[in-house]
N, C-alpha and C. Protein backbone atom coordinates (compact mmCIF):
# COMPACT_ATOMS: atom_id res chain seq x y z
N MET A 1 -97.16 -3.79 3.04
CA MET A 1 -96.07 -3.02 2.45
C MET A 1 -96.52 -1.57 2.35
N ASN A 2 -95.67 -0.66 2.83
CA ASN A 2 -96.04 0.75 2.74
C ASN A 2 -95.64 1.33 1.38
N ALA A 3 -95.97 2.56 1.14
CA ALA A 3 -95.72 3.18 -0.17
C ALA A 3 -94.24 3.24 -0.50
N ASN A 4 -93.39 3.54 0.48
CA ASN A 4 -91.95 3.61 0.23
C ASN A 4 -91.39 2.26 -0.16
N GLU A 5 -91.82 1.19 0.52
CA GLU A 5 -91.35 -0.14 0.17
C GLU A 5 -91.82 -0.55 -1.21
N HIS A 6 -93.01 -0.11 -1.57
CA HIS A 6 -93.59 -0.45 -2.87
C HIS A 6 -92.78 0.15 -4.03
N LEU A 7 -92.11 1.26 -3.77
CA LEU A 7 -91.35 1.96 -4.81
C LEU A 7 -89.84 1.79 -4.64
N ASP A 8 -89.42 0.94 -3.73
CA ASP A 8 -88.00 0.75 -3.42
C ASP A 8 -87.31 -0.05 -4.51
N PHE A 9 -86.22 0.48 -5.06
CA PHE A 9 -85.47 -0.20 -6.11
C PHE A 9 -84.77 -1.46 -5.59
N TYR A 10 -84.52 -1.53 -4.29
CA TYR A 10 -83.76 -2.64 -3.72
C TYR A 10 -84.64 -3.69 -3.06
N ASN A 11 -85.92 -3.48 -3.03
CA ASN A 11 -86.85 -4.41 -2.41
C ASN A 11 -87.38 -5.36 -3.49
N PRO A 12 -87.14 -6.67 -3.36
CA PRO A 12 -87.58 -7.62 -4.40
C PRO A 12 -89.09 -7.62 -4.63
N ASP A 13 -89.87 -7.16 -3.65
CA ASP A 13 -91.32 -7.08 -3.81
C ASP A 13 -91.77 -5.78 -4.47
N SER A 14 -90.83 -4.89 -4.73
CA SER A 14 -91.15 -3.58 -5.30
C SER A 14 -91.48 -3.69 -6.78
N ILE A 15 -92.30 -2.77 -7.27
CA ILE A 15 -92.62 -2.75 -8.71
C ILE A 15 -91.43 -2.29 -9.54
N TYR A 16 -90.45 -1.63 -8.93
CA TYR A 16 -89.29 -1.13 -9.67
C TYR A 16 -88.09 -2.07 -9.61
N TYR A 17 -88.14 -3.06 -8.73
CA TYR A 17 -86.98 -3.94 -8.54
C TYR A 17 -86.58 -4.64 -9.84
N GLY A 18 -87.51 -5.23 -10.54
CA GLY A 18 -87.22 -5.92 -11.80
C GLY A 18 -86.63 -4.98 -12.84
N ASN A 19 -87.19 -3.79 -12.94
CA ASN A 19 -86.68 -2.81 -13.90
C ASN A 19 -85.28 -2.36 -13.54
N SER A 20 -85.03 -2.15 -12.26
CA SER A 20 -83.69 -1.70 -11.86
C SER A 20 -82.67 -2.81 -12.10
N ARG A 21 -83.03 -4.07 -11.86
CA ARG A 21 -82.11 -5.17 -12.12
C ARG A 21 -81.81 -5.28 -13.62
N HIS A 22 -82.84 -5.08 -14.44
CA HIS A 22 -82.64 -5.12 -15.89
C HIS A 22 -81.71 -3.99 -16.33
N TYR A 23 -81.93 -2.80 -15.77
CA TYR A 23 -81.10 -1.64 -16.10
C TYR A 23 -79.66 -1.89 -15.67
N ILE A 24 -79.46 -2.46 -14.49
CA ILE A 24 -78.12 -2.75 -14.01
C ILE A 24 -77.44 -3.77 -14.92
N GLN A 25 -78.17 -4.78 -15.36
CA GLN A 25 -77.60 -5.77 -16.27
C GLN A 25 -77.18 -5.12 -17.59
N GLN A 26 -77.99 -4.20 -18.08
CA GLN A 26 -77.63 -3.48 -19.31
C GLN A 26 -76.34 -2.69 -19.10
N LEU A 27 -76.23 -2.02 -17.96
CA LEU A 27 -75.02 -1.25 -17.67
C LEU A 27 -73.80 -2.16 -17.54
N GLU A 28 -73.97 -3.30 -16.89
CA GLU A 28 -72.86 -4.25 -16.76
C GLU A 28 -72.41 -4.75 -18.13
N ASN A 29 -73.35 -5.05 -19.00
CA ASN A 29 -73.01 -5.50 -20.36
C ASN A 29 -72.26 -4.42 -21.12
N LYS A 30 -72.72 -3.18 -20.98
CA LYS A 30 -72.06 -2.05 -21.65
C LYS A 30 -70.62 -1.89 -21.14
N VAL A 31 -70.44 -2.01 -19.84
CA VAL A 31 -69.11 -1.87 -19.26
C VAL A 31 -68.20 -2.99 -19.77
N ARG A 32 -68.72 -4.22 -19.82
CA ARG A 32 -67.91 -5.34 -20.34
C ARG A 32 -67.51 -5.10 -21.79
N GLN A 33 -68.46 -4.60 -22.58
CA GLN A 33 -68.18 -4.32 -23.99
C GLN A 33 -67.11 -3.24 -24.12
N GLN A 34 -67.24 -2.19 -23.33
CA GLN A 34 -66.26 -1.11 -23.39
C GLN A 34 -64.89 -1.58 -22.92
N GLN A 35 -64.86 -2.45 -21.90
CA GLN A 35 -63.58 -2.97 -21.42
C GLN A 35 -62.91 -3.82 -22.50
N ALA A 36 -63.70 -4.61 -23.22
CA ALA A 36 -63.14 -5.41 -24.32
C ALA A 36 -62.58 -4.50 -25.41
N GLU A 37 -63.28 -3.42 -25.71
CA GLU A 37 -62.79 -2.47 -26.71
C GLU A 37 -61.50 -1.80 -26.24
N ILE A 38 -61.43 -1.47 -24.96
CA ILE A 38 -60.22 -0.86 -24.40
C ILE A 38 -59.04 -1.81 -24.53
N GLU A 39 -59.26 -3.09 -24.20
CA GLU A 39 -58.18 -4.08 -24.30
C GLU A 39 -57.73 -4.24 -25.74
N GLU A 40 -58.67 -4.22 -26.67
CA GLU A 40 -58.32 -4.33 -28.10
C GLU A 40 -57.49 -3.12 -28.54
N LEU A 41 -57.87 -1.94 -28.10
CA LEU A 41 -57.12 -0.73 -28.45
C LEU A 41 -55.73 -0.73 -27.82
N LYS A 42 -55.63 -1.25 -26.59
CA LYS A 42 -54.31 -1.35 -25.96
C LYS A 42 -53.39 -2.26 -26.76
N ALA A 43 -53.94 -3.38 -27.23
CA ALA A 43 -53.14 -4.32 -28.03
C ALA A 43 -52.69 -3.66 -29.33
N LYS A 44 -53.59 -2.92 -29.97
CA LYS A 44 -53.23 -2.22 -31.21
C LYS A 44 -52.16 -1.17 -30.95
N LEU A 45 -52.29 -0.46 -29.83
CA LEU A 45 -51.29 0.55 -29.48
C LEU A 45 -49.93 -0.08 -29.26
N GLN A 46 -49.89 -1.21 -28.57
CA GLN A 46 -48.61 -1.89 -28.35
C GLN A 46 -47.99 -2.31 -29.68
N LEU A 47 -48.81 -2.79 -30.60
CA LEU A 47 -48.31 -3.18 -31.91
C LEU A 47 -47.74 -1.97 -32.65
N HIS A 48 -48.45 -0.86 -32.61
CA HIS A 48 -47.96 0.35 -33.28
C HIS A 48 -46.67 0.85 -32.64
N GLU A 49 -46.59 0.78 -31.33
CA GLU A 49 -45.36 1.20 -30.65
C GLU A 49 -44.19 0.31 -31.05
N ALA A 50 -44.43 -0.99 -31.14
CA ALA A 50 -43.37 -1.91 -31.57
C ALA A 50 -42.94 -1.61 -33.00
N MET A 51 -43.90 -1.31 -33.86
CA MET A 51 -43.57 -0.97 -35.25
C MET A 51 -42.79 0.33 -35.31
N ASP A 52 -43.18 1.31 -34.51
CA ASP A 52 -42.45 2.58 -34.48
C ASP A 52 -41.01 2.37 -34.02
N ASN A 53 -40.84 1.54 -32.99
CA ASN A 53 -39.48 1.25 -32.50
C ASN A 53 -38.65 0.54 -33.56
N GLN A 54 -39.26 -0.38 -34.27
CA GLN A 54 -38.56 -1.09 -35.34
C GLN A 54 -38.16 -0.13 -36.45
N CYS A 55 -39.06 0.76 -36.82
CA CYS A 55 -38.74 1.75 -37.86
C CYS A 55 -37.61 2.67 -37.42
N ALA A 56 -37.63 3.09 -36.17
CA ALA A 56 -36.58 3.96 -35.65
C ALA A 56 -35.24 3.23 -35.68
N SER A 57 -35.26 1.97 -35.32
CA SER A 57 -34.03 1.19 -35.34
C SER A 57 -33.49 1.03 -36.76
N LEU A 58 -34.37 0.76 -37.69
CA LEU A 58 -33.96 0.62 -39.09
C LEU A 58 -33.41 1.93 -39.65
N MET A 59 -34.05 3.04 -39.29
CA MET A 59 -33.56 4.35 -39.74
C MET A 59 -32.18 4.63 -39.17
N GLN A 60 -31.96 4.26 -37.94
CA GLN A 60 -30.66 4.46 -37.31
C GLN A 60 -29.59 3.63 -38.03
N GLN A 61 -29.91 2.39 -38.34
CA GLN A 61 -28.98 1.53 -39.07
C GLN A 61 -28.70 2.10 -40.46
N PHE A 62 -29.73 2.61 -41.11
CA PHE A 62 -29.57 3.18 -42.45
C PHE A 62 -28.64 4.40 -42.40
N ARG A 63 -28.82 5.25 -41.39
CA ARG A 63 -27.97 6.43 -41.26
C ARG A 63 -26.51 6.05 -41.04
N LYS A 64 -26.28 5.02 -40.23
CA LYS A 64 -24.92 4.58 -39.95
C LYS A 64 -24.27 4.06 -41.25
N VAL A 65 -25.01 3.31 -42.04
CA VAL A 65 -24.49 2.79 -43.30
C VAL A 65 -24.25 3.93 -44.28
N SER A 66 -25.13 4.90 -44.30
CA SER A 66 -25.01 6.04 -45.22
C SER A 66 -23.82 6.92 -44.89
N GLU A 67 -23.46 6.99 -43.62
CA GLU A 67 -22.35 7.84 -43.19
C GLU A 67 -20.99 7.25 -43.59
N LYS A 68 -20.94 5.96 -43.83
CA LYS A 68 -19.65 5.32 -44.14
C LYS A 68 -19.20 5.58 -45.52
C-alpha cells in the first residue's frame, strides 16, 4: 500500500476509513434528527394555521351577528 492509499478516506485498509465512516454516521444521525424536528414544526404550523382560520371564521360570524 502506498502513502496515498494509506491516507485514503474511501479505502477500507486506510487508517482514516473508520474515522470517516464514524463521522458520516454522526452526520446522518444529525440529519435524521433535524428532519424529525422539521416535521414536528410543520405539524405545529399546520395546527396554528387551522386555529387562525377557525378564529377568522368565528370573527366573521360574530361581525355578521353584531351588524343585525
